[in-house]
Protein backbone atom coordinates (compact mmCIF):
# COMPACT_ATOMS: atom_id res chain seq x y z
CA UNK A 1 -8.67 103.35 83.27
CA UNK A 2 -11.22 100.62 83.97
CA UNK A 3 -10.96 99.56 87.61
CA UNK A 4 -10.88 95.93 86.49
CA UNK A 5 -7.38 96.53 85.09
CA UNK A 6 -6.11 97.43 88.56
CA UNK A 7 -7.53 94.37 90.31
CA UNK A 8 -5.13 91.63 91.43
CA UNK A 9 -4.69 88.67 89.12
CA UNK A 10 -4.64 85.32 90.85
CA UNK A 11 -5.54 82.84 88.11
CA UNK A 12 -4.60 82.19 84.53
CA UNK A 13 -8.16 82.80 83.26
CA UNK A 14 -8.10 86.16 85.16
CA UNK A 15 -4.83 87.02 83.39
CA UNK A 16 -6.37 86.18 80.03
CA UNK A 17 -9.48 88.25 80.82
CA UNK A 18 -7.33 91.15 82.00
CA UNK A 19 -5.15 90.97 78.87
CA UNK A 20 -8.22 91.02 76.63
CA UNK A 21 -9.77 93.94 78.56
CA UNK A 22 -6.53 95.80 78.06
CA UNK A 23 -6.86 95.14 74.33
CA UNK A 24 -3.61 93.19 74.08
CA UNK A 25 -3.43 90.13 71.89
CA UNK A 26 -1.69 86.97 73.09
CA UNK A 27 1.17 87.38 70.57
CA UNK A 28 1.82 90.98 71.64
CA UNK A 29 1.60 90.22 75.37
CA UNK A 30 3.89 87.20 74.95
CA UNK A 31 6.38 89.33 73.04
CA UNK A 32 6.26 92.04 75.70
CA UNK A 33 6.76 89.40 78.40
CA UNK A 34 9.64 87.79 76.54
CA UNK A 35 7.96 84.41 76.46
CA UNK A 36 6.41 82.23 73.79
CA UNK A 37 2.71 82.30 73.02
CA UNK A 38 2.59 78.68 74.16
CA UNK A 39 4.09 79.60 77.56
CA UNK A 40 1.59 82.41 77.94
CA UNK A 41 -1.28 80.07 76.97
CA UNK A 42 -0.06 77.60 79.63
CA UNK A 43 0.05 80.38 82.24
CA UNK A 44 -3.47 81.50 81.25
CA UNK A 45 -4.76 77.94 81.79
CA UNK A 46 -3.51 77.69 85.39
CA UNK A 47 -6.05 77.78 88.21
CA UNK A 48 -3.63 79.51 90.58
CA UNK A 49 -1.20 82.03 89.20
CA UNK A 50 1.48 83.75 91.26
CA UNK A 51 2.51 86.69 89.09
CA UNK A 52 5.24 87.58 91.59
CA UNK A 53 6.91 84.32 90.55
CA UNK A 54 6.92 85.37 86.91
CA UNK A 55 8.79 88.63 86.72
CA UNK A 56 8.24 89.21 82.99
CA UNK A 57 4.47 88.86 83.27
CA UNK A 58 4.43 91.19 86.28
CA UNK A 59 6.56 93.81 84.54
CA UNK A 60 4.42 93.61 81.43
CA UNK A 61 1.30 94.13 83.49
CA UNK A 62 2.88 97.17 85.17
CA UNK A 63 3.74 98.63 81.78
CA UNK A 64 0.18 98.12 80.46
CA UNK A 65 -1.25 99.72 83.62
CA UNK A 66 1.05 102.75 83.22
CA UNK A 67 0.12 103.09 79.56
CA UNK A 68 -3.58 102.88 80.46
CA UNK A 69 -3.11 105.95 82.65
CA UNK A 70 -2.00 108.07 79.70
CA UNK A 71 -4.12 106.63 76.87
CA UNK A 72 -7.37 104.84 76.19
CA UNK A 73 -6.65 101.21 77.17
CA UNK A 74 -8.28 99.98 73.96
CA UNK A 75 -5.57 101.85 72.00
CA UNK A 76 -2.58 100.27 73.76
CA UNK A 77 -2.39 97.26 71.41
CA UNK A 78 -2.50 99.35 68.24
CA UNK A 79 -0.10 101.92 69.78
CA UNK A 80 2.48 99.22 70.55
CA UNK A 81 2.53 98.25 66.85
CA UNK A 82 2.47 101.76 65.35
CA UNK A 83 5.61 103.62 64.28
CA UNK A 84 6.32 106.47 66.65
CA UNK A 85 8.49 109.53 66.16
CA UNK A 86 9.43 109.46 69.87
CA UNK A 87 11.24 106.19 69.04
CA UNK A 88 12.83 107.41 65.81
CA UNK A 89 10.15 105.81 63.64
CA UNK A 90 10.27 102.41 65.32
CA UNK A 91 7.30 100.87 67.06
CA UNK A 92 7.22 100.72 70.85
CA UNK A 93 7.14 96.94 70.58
CA UNK A 94 10.38 97.00 68.52
CA UNK A 95 12.00 99.24 71.14
CA UNK A 96 10.97 96.85 73.93
CA UNK A 97 12.15 93.80 71.99
CA UNK A 98 15.50 95.52 71.47
CA UNK A 99 15.93 95.74 75.24
CA UNK A 100 15.28 99.46 75.46
CA UNK A 101 12.08 99.45 77.51
CA UNK A 102 13.54 102.35 79.51
CA UNK A 103 12.75 104.57 76.54
CA UNK A 104 9.09 103.62 76.77
CA UNK A 105 9.10 104.33 80.52
CA UNK A 106 10.74 107.71 79.77
CA UNK A 107 7.97 108.52 77.28
CA UNK A 108 5.36 107.57 79.92
CA UNK A 109 7.08 109.80 82.47
CA UNK A 110 7.22 112.78 80.08
CA UNK A 111 3.60 112.28 79.09
CA UNK A 112 2.50 112.20 82.73
CA UNK A 113 4.45 115.40 83.33
CA UNK A 114 2.86 117.08 80.29
CA UNK A 115 6.07 117.16 78.26
CA UNK A 116 4.96 114.78 75.51
CA UNK A 117 1.62 114.07 73.94
């Protein structure tokens, strides 16, 4: 994983740069964060950004970081939109939007442990 993905994010432009380095489009990141694209764009324009104050953005960043440990970070965006047999033919993004993000975390855990590839 590129070390730049692990660095703290303290500004909106840094968030946007980080999101782009992770290969995640604004619509996908907004969907993962359960916010509108407009809200995300507003956050990305802020000079000072306290991610700890925005739980959804923080949790989305943690998910992307975990995924980047088990796959090429440039493949995370396409992977989120690809049907996956682990999720009964649904996309990971659909699973997350349905409120079942725990299934994605379970897949990450099993992959880390060598039980799923």
